[in-house]
PDB file of N, CA and C in Angstrom:
ATOM      1  N   MET A   1      23.052   0.314   6.005  1.00  0.00           N
ATOM      2  CA  MET A   1      21.891  -0.384   5.499  1.00  0.00           C
ATOM      3  C   MET A   1      21.917  -0.302   3.977  1.00  0.00           C
ATOM      4  N   GLU A   2      21.753  -1.419   3.324  1.00  0.00           N
ATOM      5  CA  GLU A   2      21.776  -1.462   1.872  1.00  0.00           C
ATOM      6  C   GLU A   2      20.386  -1.172   1.343  1.00  0.00           C
ATOM      7  N   ARG A   3      20.314  -0.286   0.349  1.00  0.00           N
ATOM      8  CA  ARG A   3      19.039   0.053  -0.262  1.00  0.00           C
ATOM      9  C   ARG A   3      18.993  -0.570  -1.639  1.00  0.00           C
ATOM     10  N   GLN A   4      17.866  -1.165  -1.950  1.00  0.00           N
ATOM     11  CA  GLN A   4      17.720  -1.796  -3.250  1.00  0.00           C
ATOM     12  C   GLN A   4      16.436  -1.322  -3.886  1.00  0.00           C
ATOM     13  N   ALA A   5      16.500  -1.047  -5.174  1.00  0.00           N
ATOM     14  CA  ALA A   5      15.309  -0.707  -5.934  1.00  0.00           C
ATOM     15  C   ALA A   5      14.873  -1.952  -6.684  1.00  0.00           C
ATOM     16  N   GLU A   6      13.585  -2.158  -6.738  1.00  0.00           N
ATOM     17  CA  GLU A   6      13.043  -3.290  -7.471  1.00  0.00           C
ATOM     18  C   GLU A   6      12.635  -2.822  -8.848  1.00  0.00           C
ATOM     19  N   GLN A   7      12.946  -3.603  -9.851  1.00  0.00           N
ATOM     20  CA  GLN A   7      12.527  -3.287 -11.206  1.00  0.00           C
ATOM     21  C   GLN A   7      11.166  -3.910 -11.450  1.00  0.00           C
ATOM     22  N   PRO A   8      10.157  -3.093 -11.751  1.00  0.00           N
ATOM     23  CA  PRO A   8       8.866  -3.680 -12.080  1.00  0.00           C
ATOM     24  C   PRO A   8       8.942  -4.365 -13.438  1.00  0.00           C
ATOM     25  N   GLN A   9       8.082  -5.314 -13.666  1.00  0.00           N
ATOM     26  CA  GLN A   9       8.070  -5.978 -14.962  1.00  0.00           C
ATOM     27  C   GLN A   9       7.255  -5.102 -15.906  1.00  0.00           C
ATOM     28  N   ALA A  10       7.955  -4.238 -16.616  1.00  0.00           N
ATOM     29  CA  ALA A  10       7.320  -3.304 -17.538  1.00  0.00           C
ATOM     30  C   ALA A  10       8.285  -3.032 -18.677  1.00  0.00           C
ATOM     31  N   ALA A  11       7.857  -2.193 -19.568  1.00  0.00           N
ATOM     32  CA  ALA A  11       8.678  -1.865 -20.723  1.00  0.00           C
ATOM     33  C   ALA A  11       9.945  -1.130 -20.298  1.00  0.00           C
ATOM     34  N   ALA A  12      10.973  -1.237 -21.106  1.00  0.00           N
ATOM     35  CA  ALA A  12      12.226  -0.526 -20.829  1.00  0.00           C
ATOM     36  C   ALA A  12      11.929   0.963 -20.729  1.00  0.00           C
ATOM     37  N   GLY A  13      12.593   1.642 -19.819  1.00  0.00           N
ATOM     38  CA  GLY A  13      12.378   3.077 -19.633  1.00  0.00           C
ATOM     39  C   GLY A  13      11.308   3.374 -18.595  1.00  0.00           C
ATOM     40  N   ALA A  14      10.675   2.324 -18.064  1.00  0.00           N
ATOM     41  CA  ALA A  14       9.653   2.522 -17.039  1.00  0.00           C
ATOM     42  C   ALA A  14      10.317   2.952 -15.735  1.00  0.00           C
ATOM     43  N   GLU A  15       9.504   3.480 -14.834  1.00  0.00           N
ATOM     44  CA  GLU A  15      10.015   3.892 -13.531  1.00  0.00           C
ATOM     45  C   GLU A  15      10.480   2.683 -12.726  1.00  0.00           C
ATOM     46  N   THR A  16      11.369   2.944 -11.794  1.00  0.00           N
ATOM     47  CA  THR A  16      11.819   1.945 -10.840  1.00  0.00           C
ATOM     48  C   THR A  16      10.918   2.052  -9.615  1.00  0.00           C
ATOM     49  N   VAL A  17      10.736   0.947  -8.901  1.00  0.00           N
ATOM     50  CA  VAL A  17       9.961   0.948  -7.672  1.00  0.00           C
ATOM     51  C   VAL A  17      10.919   0.664  -6.525  1.00  0.00           C
ATOM     52  N   TYR A  18      10.809   1.458  -5.465  1.00  0.00           N
ATOM     53  CA  TYR A  18      11.635   1.289  -4.280  1.00  0.00           C
ATOM     54  C   TYR A  18      10.712   0.990  -3.109  1.00  0.00           C
ATOM     55  N   VAL A  19      10.988  -0.066  -2.372  1.00  0.00           N
ATOM     56  CA  VAL A  19      10.206  -0.407  -1.184  1.00  0.00           C
ATOM     57  C   VAL A  19      10.904   0.206   0.026  1.00  0.00           C
ATOM     58  N   VAL A  20      10.189   1.077   0.729  1.00  0.00           N
ATOM     59  CA  VAL A  20      10.740   1.798   1.875  1.00  0.00           C
ATOM     60  C   VAL A  20      11.054   0.820   3.006  1.00  0.00           C
ATOM     61  N   LYS A  21      12.256   0.964   3.556  1.00  0.00           N
ATOM     62  CA  LYS A  21      12.728   0.148   4.681  1.00  0.00           C
ATOM     63  C   LYS A  21      12.705   1.001   5.963  1.00  0.00           C
ATOM     64  N   PRO A  22      12.654   0.366   7.134  1.00  0.00           N
ATOM     65  CA  PRO A  22      12.713   1.130   8.380  1.00  0.00           C
ATOM     66  C   PRO A  22      13.964   2.021   8.410  1.00  0.00           C
ATOM     67  N   GLY A  23      13.787   3.267   8.795  1.00  0.00           N
ATOM     68  CA  GLY A  23      14.902   4.204   8.886  1.00  0.00           C
ATOM     69  C   GLY A  23      15.174   4.989   7.616  1.00  0.00           C
ATOM     70  N   ASP A  24      14.515   4.636   6.517  1.00  0.00           N
ATOM     71  CA  ASP A  24      14.722   5.372   5.262  1.00  0.00           C
ATOM     72  C   ASP A  24      14.174   6.788   5.340  1.00  0.00           C
ATOM     73  N   THR A  25      14.792   7.660   4.572  1.00  0.00           N
ATOM     74  CA  THR A  25      14.308   9.020   4.359  1.00  0.00           C
ATOM     75  C   THR A  25      14.322   9.270   2.860  1.00  0.00           C
ATOM     76  N   LEU A  26      13.581  10.264   2.414  1.00  0.00           N
ATOM     77  CA  LEU A  26      13.594  10.577   0.985  1.00  0.00           C
ATOM     78  C   LEU A  26      14.989  10.998   0.538  1.00  0.00           C
ATOM     79  N   SER A  27      15.683  11.764   1.359  1.00  0.00           N
ATOM     80  CA  SER A  27      17.037  12.181   0.965  1.00  0.00           C
ATOM     81  C   SER A  27      17.992  10.987   0.942  1.00  0.00           C
ATOM     82  N   GLY A  28      17.819  10.054   1.857  1.00  0.00           N
ATOM     83  CA  GLY A  28      18.650   8.847   1.860  1.00  0.00           C
ATOM     84  C   GLY A  28      18.391   7.976   0.637  1.00  0.00           C
ATOM     85  N   ILE A  29      17.123   7.846   0.269  1.00  0.00           N
ATOM     86  CA  ILE A  29      16.778   7.077  -0.924  1.00  0.00           C
ATOM     87  C   ILE A  29      17.336   7.763  -2.160  1.00  0.00           C
ATOM     88  N   ALA A  30      17.192   9.090  -2.230  1.00  0.00           N
ATOM     89  CA  ALA A  30      17.726   9.843  -3.371  1.00  0.00           C
ATOM     90  C   ALA A  30      19.235   9.674  -3.479  1.00  0.00           C
ATOM     91  N   LYS A  31      19.924   9.706  -2.358  1.00  0.00           N
ATOM     92  CA  LYS A  31      21.381   9.512  -2.350  1.00  0.00           C
ATOM     93  C   LYS A  31      21.729   8.126  -2.890  1.00  0.00           C
ATOM     94  N   ALA A  32      20.957   7.114  -2.488  1.00  0.00           N
ATOM     95  CA  ALA A  32      21.232   5.735  -2.908  1.00  0.00           C
ATOM     96  C   ALA A  32      20.948   5.523  -4.400  1.00  0.00           C
ATOM     97  N   VAL A  33      19.860   6.103  -4.911  1.00  0.00           N
ATOM     98  CA  VAL A  33      19.491   5.817  -6.303  1.00  0.00           C
ATOM     99  C   VAL A  33      20.046   6.821  -7.306  1.00  0.00           C
ATOM    100  N   TYR A  34      20.217   8.077  -6.894  1.00  0.00           N
ATOM    101  CA  TYR A  34      20.710   9.114  -7.804  1.00  0.00           C
ATOM    102  C   TYR A  34      22.141   9.550  -7.511  1.00  0.00           C
ATOM    103  N   GLY A  35      22.613   9.259  -6.293  1.00  0.00           N
ATOM    104  CA  GLY A  35      23.939   9.716  -5.912  1.00  0.00           C
ATOM    105  C   GLY A  35      23.941  11.117  -5.323  1.00  0.00           C
ATOM    106  N   LYS A  36      22.736  11.720  -5.203  1.00  0.00           N
ATOM    107  CA  LYS A  36      22.613  13.075  -4.652  1.00  0.00           C
ATOM    108  C   LYS A  36      21.384  13.156  -3.755  1.00  0.00           C
ATOM    109  N   ALA A  37      21.603  13.425  -2.484  1.00  0.00           N
ATOM    110  CA  ALA A  37      20.503  13.516  -1.527  1.00  0.00           C
ATOM    111  C   ALA A  37      19.542  14.646  -1.872  1.00  0.00           C
ATOM    112  N   GLY A  38      20.047  15.692  -2.505  1.00  0.00           N
ATOM    113  CA  GLY A  38      19.232  16.853  -2.850  1.00  0.00           C
ATOM    114  C   GLY A  38      18.152  16.577  -3.886  1.00  0.00           C
ATOM    115  N   ARG A  39      18.173  15.400  -4.481  1.00  0.00           N
ATOM    116  CA  ARG A  39      17.156  15.066  -5.480  1.00  0.00           C
ATOM    117  C   ARG A  39      15.916  14.402  -4.872  1.00  0.00           C
ATOM    118  N   TRP A  40      15.784  14.478  -3.532  1.00  0.00           N
ATOM    119  CA  TRP A  40      14.653  13.875  -2.839  1.00  0.00           C
ATOM    120  C   TRP A  40      13.327  14.393  -3.346  1.00  0.00           C
ATOM    121  N   ARG A  41      13.281  15.659  -3.753  1.00  0.00           N
ATOM    122  CA  ARG A  41      12.021  16.278  -4.185  1.00  0.00           C
ATOM    123  C   ARG A  41      11.443  15.579  -5.419  1.00  0.00           C
ATOM    124  N   GLU A  42      12.306  15.050  -6.290  1.00  0.00           N
ATOM    125  CA  GLU A  42      11.834  14.330  -7.479  1.00  0.00           C
ATOM    126  C   GLU A  42      11.034  13.091  -7.059  1.00  0.00           C
ATOM    127  N   ILE A  43      11.517  12.415  -6.031  1.00  0.00           N
ATOM    128  CA  ILE A  43      10.812  11.233  -5.531  1.00  0.00           C
ATOM    129  C   ILE A  43       9.501  11.667  -4.888  1.00  0.00           C
ATOM    130  N   TYR A  44       9.542  12.715  -4.106  1.00  0.00           N
ATOM    131  CA  TYR A  44       8.337  13.247  -3.464  1.00  0.00           C
ATOM    132  C   TYR A  44       7.284  13.631  -4.503  1.00  0.00           C
ATOM    133  N   GLU A  45       7.667  14.369  -5.510  1.00  0.00           N
ATOM    134  CA  GLU A  45       6.728  14.822  -6.540  1.00  0.00           C
ATOM    135  C   GLU A  45       6.102  13.642  -7.282  1.00  0.00           C
ATOM    136  N   ALA A  46       6.864  12.589  -7.510  1.00  0.00           N
ATOM    137  CA  ALA A  46       6.356  11.415  -8.225  1.00  0.00           C
ATOM    138  C   ALA A  46       5.422  10.565  -7.365  1.00  0.00           C
ATOM    139  N   ASN A  47       5.408  10.829  -6.057  1.00  0.00           N
ATOM    140  CA  ASN A  47       4.631   9.995  -5.136  1.00  0.00           C
ATOM    141  C   ASN A  47       3.697  10.803  -4.241  1.00  0.00           C
ATOM    142  N   LYS A  48       3.298  11.991  -4.688  1.00  0.00           N
ATOM    143  CA  LYS A  48       2.430  12.849  -3.874  1.00  0.00           C
ATOM    144  C   LYS A  48       1.100  12.186  -3.530  1.00  0.00           C
ATOM    145  N   ASP A  49       0.688  11.211  -4.336  1.00  0.00           N
ATOM    146  CA  ASP A  49      -0.550  10.501  -4.042  1.00  0.00           C
ATOM    147  C   ASP A  49      -0.413   9.612  -2.806  1.00  0.00           C
ATOM    148  N   ILE A  50       0.808   9.236  -2.465  1.00  0.00           N
ATOM    149  CA  ILE A  50       1.083   8.382  -1.305  1.00  0.00           C
ATOM    150  C   ILE A  50       1.644   9.206  -0.150  1.00  0.00           C
ATOM    151  N   ILE A  51       2.601  10.073  -0.456  1.00  0.00           N
ATOM    152  CA  ILE A  51       3.320  10.831   0.574  1.00  0.00           C
ATOM    153  C   ILE A  51       2.588  12.144   0.841  1.00  0.00           C
ATOM    154  N   LYS A  52       2.077  12.295   2.037  1.00  0.00           N
ATOM    155  CA  LYS A  52       1.397  13.534   2.420  1.00  0.00           C
ATOM    156  C   LYS A  52       2.388  14.550   2.984  1.00  0.00           C
ATOM    157  N   SER A  53       3.448  14.064   3.627  1.00  0.00           N
ATOM    158  CA  SER A  53       4.492  14.919   4.173  1.00  0.00           C
ATOM    159  C   SER A  53       5.835  14.307   3.795  1.00  0.00           C
ATOM    160  N   PRO A  54       6.745  15.082   3.182  1.00  0.00           N
ATOM    161  CA  PRO A  54       8.037  14.516   2.801  1.00  0.00           C
ATOM    162  C   PRO A  54       8.884  14.079   3.993  1.00  0.00           C
ATOM    163  N   ASN A  55       8.502  14.484   5.186  1.00  0.00           N
ATOM    164  CA  ASN A  55       9.236  14.090   6.387  1.00  0.00           C
ATOM    165  C   ASN A  55       8.710  12.799   7.000  1.00  0.00           C
ATOM    166  N   LEU A  56       7.675  12.216   6.406  1.00  0.00           N
ATOM    167  CA  LEU A  56       7.071  11.023   6.976  1.00  0.00           C
ATOM    168  C   LEU A  56       6.785  10.004   5.880  1.00  0.00           C
ATOM    169  N   ILE A  57       7.643   8.993   5.807  1.00  0.00           N
ATOM    170  CA  ILE A  57       7.403   7.868   4.903  1.00  0.00           C
ATOM    171  C   ILE A  57       7.388   6.601   5.737  1.00  0.00           C
ATOM    172  N   ARG A  58       6.636   5.629   5.300  1.00  0.00           N
ATOM    173  CA  ARG A  58       6.424   4.414   6.092  1.00  0.00           C
ATOM    174  C   ARG A  58       7.078   3.194   5.448  1.00  0.00           C
ATOM    175  N   PRO A  59       7.674   2.338   6.270  1.00  0.00           N
ATOM    176  CA  PRO A  59       8.204   1.075   5.739  1.00  0.00           C
ATOM    177  C   PRO A  59       7.114   0.293   5.011  1.00  0.00           C
ATOM    178  N   GLY A  60       7.505  -0.296   3.897  1.00  0.00           N
ATOM    179  CA  GLY A  60       6.561  -1.080   3.105  1.00  0.00           C
ATOM    180  C   GLY A  60       5.946  -0.311   1.947  1.00  0.00           C
ATOM    181  N   TRP A  61       5.971   1.022   2.005  1.00  0.00           N
ATOM    182  CA  TRP A  61       5.443   1.798   0.887  1.00  0.00           C
ATOM    183  C   TRP A  61       6.281   1.513  -0.350  1.00  0.00           C
ATOM    184  N   LYS A  62       5.630   1.430  -1.494  1.00  0.00           N
ATOM    185  CA  LYS A  62       6.312   1.241  -2.769  1.00  0.00           C
ATOM    186  C   LYS A  62       6.321   2.586  -3.483  1.00  0.00           C
ATOM    187  N   LEU A  63       7.506   3.175  -3.571  1.00  0.00           N
ATOM    188  CA  LEU A  63       7.645   4.495  -4.166  1.00  0.00           C
ATOM    189  C   LEU A  63       8.142   4.386  -5.603  1.00  0.00           C
ATOM    190  N   ARG A  64       7.556   5.201  -6.481  1.00  0.00           N
ATOM    191  CA  ARG A  64       8.034   5.297  -7.853  1.00  0.00           C
ATOM    192  C   ARG A  64       9.276   6.173  -7.854  1.00  0.00           C
ATOM    193  N   ILE A  65      10.313   5.705  -8.526  1.00  0.00           N
ATOM    194  CA  ILE A  65      11.577   6.449  -8.636  1.00  0.00           C
ATOM    195  C   ILE A  65      11.718   6.875 -10.084  1.00  0.00           C
ATOM    196  N   PRO A  66      11.504   8.153 -10.376  1.00  0.00           N
ATOM    197  CA  PRO A  66      11.627   8.601 -11.766  1.00  0.00           C
ATOM    198  C   PRO A  66      13.078   8.474 -12.262  1.00  0.00           C
ATOM    199  N   ARG A  67      13.213   8.221 -13.527  1.00  0.00           N
ATOM    200  CA  ARG A  67      14.557   8.124 -14.136  1.00  0.00           C
ATOM    201  C   ARG A  67      15.082   9.496 -14.415  1.00  0.00           C
TER     202      ARG A  67
END
């Protein structure tokens, strides 16, 4: 499954937005965007207002991906 991050229309250096797809996990997203699955916690910390449990993310959620 191909993962794509969407670039919001904002100033350079802004966060990237990733739309969660069915079957995604935070570690899978981290692997796709950072190249390291172990960086999942950075995504979790940036989205604590949305993600209540790092083991449960929903398709359609728009997650901020810190640079």
